[in-house]
Amino acid sequence: MNTYKQKVNTSVKKAISLLKRINKMLEEDRYCIDVIQQILAVMGIMRGANEKLLEGHLNACVKKAVKSKDSKRQDEMIEELIKVMKIAQKK
């Protein structure tokens, strides 16, 4: 597993732990704002993980496709990135 994925994996584990805590807070009928703050924290963790994974993808997979001179693969990479960016803009 590369460094980017290791960092993302660590973030995902943190988010899972926090989600479990949020679930417990809901079961305990904790104050809504406290729960909302924790949900926002998870969202921030996942946003950062997504950015880190995209950075790794650009620095590894996309660079490899560009260096390969395989225009079909380059076009596929561009389409993938456009698709992901469109999804991200809807959020």
C-alpha atoms as a PDB file:
ATOM      1  CA  MET A   1       0.000   0.000   0.000  1.00  0.00           C
ATOM      2  CA  ASN A   2       1.458   3.367  -0.971  1.00  0.00           C
ATOM      3  CA  THR A   3       1.871   6.302   1.397  1.00  0.00           C
ATOM      4  CA  TYR A   4      -1.238   8.097   0.135  1.00  0.00           C
ATOM      5  CA  LYS A   5      -3.424   5.050   0.659  1.00  0.00           C
ATOM      6  CA  GLN A   6      -1.933   4.457   4.107  1.00  0.00           C
ATOM      7  CA  LYS A   7      -2.869   8.003   5.132  1.00  0.00           C
ATOM      8  CA  VAL A   8      -6.347   7.582   3.676  1.00  0.00           C
ATOM      9  CA  ASN A   9      -6.731   4.268   5.504  1.00  0.00           C
ATOM     10  CA  THR A  10      -5.802   5.954   8.786  1.00  0.00           C
ATOM     11  CA  SER A  11      -8.375   8.680   8.129  1.00  0.00           C
ATOM     12  CA  VAL A  12     -11.068   6.123   7.314  1.00  0.00           C
ATOM     13  CA  LYS A  13     -10.360   4.269  10.556  1.00  0.00           C
ATOM     14  CA  LYS A  14     -10.682   7.550  12.480  1.00  0.00           C
ATOM     15  CA  ALA A  15     -13.960   8.302  10.720  1.00  0.00           C
ATOM     16  CA  ILE A  16     -15.322   4.840  11.504  1.00  0.00           C
ATOM     17  CA  SER A  17     -14.443   5.283  15.164  1.00  0.00           C
ATOM     18  CA  LEU A  18     -16.107   8.670  15.219  1.00  0.00           C
ATOM     19  CA  LEU A  19     -19.191   7.323  13.442  1.00  0.00           C
ATOM     20  CA  LYS A  20     -19.523   4.670  16.124  1.00  0.00           C
ATOM     21  CA  ARG A  21     -19.336   7.408  18.740  1.00  0.00           C
ATOM     22  CA  ILE A  22     -21.982   9.408  16.859  1.00  0.00           C
ATOM     23  CA  ASN A  23     -24.234   6.362  16.763  1.00  0.00           C
ATOM     24  CA  LYS A  24     -23.879   6.007  20.520  1.00  0.00           C
ATOM     25  CA  MET A  25     -24.618   9.709  20.989  1.00  0.00           C
ATOM     26  CA  LEU A  26     -27.830   9.314  19.001  1.00  0.00           C
ATOM     27  CA  GLU A  27     -28.844   6.263  20.992  1.00  0.00           C
ATOM     28  CA  GLU A  28     -28.251   8.248  24.176  1.00  0.00           C
ATOM     29  CA  ASP A  29     -30.376  11.090  22.784  1.00  0.00           C
ATOM     30  CA  ARG A  30     -27.526  13.578  23.123  1.00  0.00           C
ATOM     31  CA  TYR A  31     -27.930  17.258  22.305  1.00  0.00           C
ATOM     32  CA  CYS A  32     -28.406  17.764  18.555  1.00  0.00           C
ATOM     33  CA  ILE A  33     -25.689  20.390  18.149  1.00  0.00           C
ATOM     34  CA  ASP A  34     -23.131  18.085  19.780  1.00  0.00           C
ATOM     35  CA  VAL A  35     -24.052  15.355  17.302  1.00  0.00           C
ATOM     36  CA  ILE A  36     -23.968  17.777  14.369  1.00  0.00           C
ATOM     37  CA  GLN A  37     -20.464  18.907  15.338  1.00  0.00           C
ATOM     38  CA  GLN A  38     -19.266  15.310  15.344  1.00  0.00           C
ATOM     39  CA  ILE A  39     -20.909  14.636  11.973  1.00  0.00           C
ATOM     40  CA  LEU A  40     -19.154  17.697  10.557  1.00  0.00           C
ATOM     41  CA  ALA A  41     -15.874  16.360  11.938  1.00  0.00           C
ATOM     42  CA  VAL A  42     -16.404  13.073  10.076  1.00  0.00           C
ATOM     43  CA  MET A  43     -17.214  14.975   6.908  1.00  0.00           C
ATOM     44  CA  GLY A  44     -13.983  16.945   7.275  1.00  0.00           C
ATOM     45  CA  ILE A  45     -11.958  13.788   7.808  1.00  0.00           C
ATOM     46  CA  MET A  46     -13.473  12.176   4.732  1.00  0.00           C
ATOM     47  CA  ARG A  47     -13.016  15.318   2.625  1.00  0.00           C
ATOM     48  CA  GLY A  48      -9.334  15.328   3.557  1.00  0.00           C
ATOM     49  CA  ALA A  49      -9.029  11.611   2.807  1.00  0.00           C
ATOM     50  CA  ASN A  50     -10.618  12.136  -0.585  1.00  0.00           C
ATOM     51  CA  GLU A  51      -8.224  14.980  -1.389  1.00  0.00           C
ATOM     52  CA  LYS A  52      -5.226  12.882  -0.319  1.00  0.00           C
ATOM     53  CA  LEU A  53      -6.367   9.945  -2.464  1.00  0.00           C
ATOM     54  CA  LEU A  54      -6.904  12.213  -5.468  1.00  0.00           C
ATOM     55  CA  GLU A  55      -3.431  13.684  -4.964  1.00  0.00           C
ATOM     56  CA  GLY A  56      -1.950  10.190  -4.930  1.00  0.00           C
ATOM     57  CA  HIS A  57      -3.891   9.251  -8.040  1.00  0.00           C
ATOM     58  CA  LEU A  58      -2.631  12.308  -9.894  1.00  0.00           C
ATOM     59  CA  ASN A  59       0.958  11.765  -8.787  1.00  0.00           C
ATOM     60  CA  ALA A  60       1.007   8.070  -9.641  1.00  0.00           C
ATOM     61  CA  CYS A  61      -1.668   6.812 -12.014  1.00  0.00           C
ATOM     62  CA  VAL A  62      -2.136   9.948 -14.097  1.00  0.00           C
ATOM     63  CA  LYS A  63       1.613  10.587 -14.399  1.00  0.00           C
ATOM     64  CA  LYS A  64       2.085   6.980 -15.514  1.00  0.00           C
ATOM     65  CA  ALA A  65      -0.625   7.357 -18.171  1.00  0.00           C
ATOM     66  CA  VAL A  66       0.913  10.581 -19.462  1.00  0.00           C
ATOM     67  CA  LYS A  67       4.390   9.065 -19.642  1.00  0.00           C
ATOM     68  CA  SER A  68       3.079   5.974 -21.431  1.00  0.00           C
ATOM     69  CA  LYS A  69       2.022   8.003 -24.466  1.00  0.00           C
ATOM     70  CA  ASP A  70      -1.090   5.793 -24.611  1.00  0.00           C
ATOM     71  CA  SER A  71      -3.634   8.332 -25.835  1.00  0.00           C
ATOM     72  CA  LYS A  72      -6.568   5.989 -25.183  1.00  0.00           C
ATOM     73  CA  ARG A  73      -5.540   5.568 -21.528  1.00  0.00           C
ATOM     74  CA  GLN A  74      -4.928   9.307 -21.209  1.00  0.00           C
ATOM     75  CA  ASP A  75      -8.429  10.007 -22.528  1.00  0.00           C
ATOM     76  CA  GLU A  76      -9.871   7.490 -20.052  1.00  0.00           C
ATOM     77  CA  MET A  77      -8.047   9.200 -17.192  1.00  0.00           C
ATOM     78  CA  ILE A  78      -9.346  12.600 -18.250  1.00  0.00           C
ATOM     79  CA  GLU A  79     -12.915  11.268 -18.428  1.00  0.00           C
ATOM     80  CA  GLU A  80     -12.555   9.675 -14.978  1.00  0.00           C
ATOM     81  CA  LEU A  81     -11.307  12.931 -13.486  1.00  0.00           C
ATOM     82  CA  ILE A  82     -14.089  14.940 -15.119  1.00  0.00           C
ATOM     83  CA  LYS A  83     -16.670  12.486 -13.777  1.00  0.00           C
ATOM     84  CA  VAL A  84     -15.258  12.683 -10.246  1.00  0.00           C
ATOM     85  CA  MET A  85     -15.074  16.482 -10.347  1.00  0.00           C
ATOM     86  CA  LYS A  86     -18.711  16.716 -11.483  1.00  0.00           C
ATOM     87  CA  ILE A  87     -19.774  14.491  -8.590  1.00  0.00           C
ATOM     88  CA  ALA A  88     -17.698  16.551  -6.159  1.00  0.00           C
ATOM     89  CA  GLN A  89     -19.270  19.806  -7.360  1.00  0.00           C
ATOM     90  CA  LYS A  90     -22.754  18.463  -6.591  1.00  0.00           C
ATOM     91  CA  LYS A  91     -21.848  17.979  -2.921  1.00  0.00           C
END
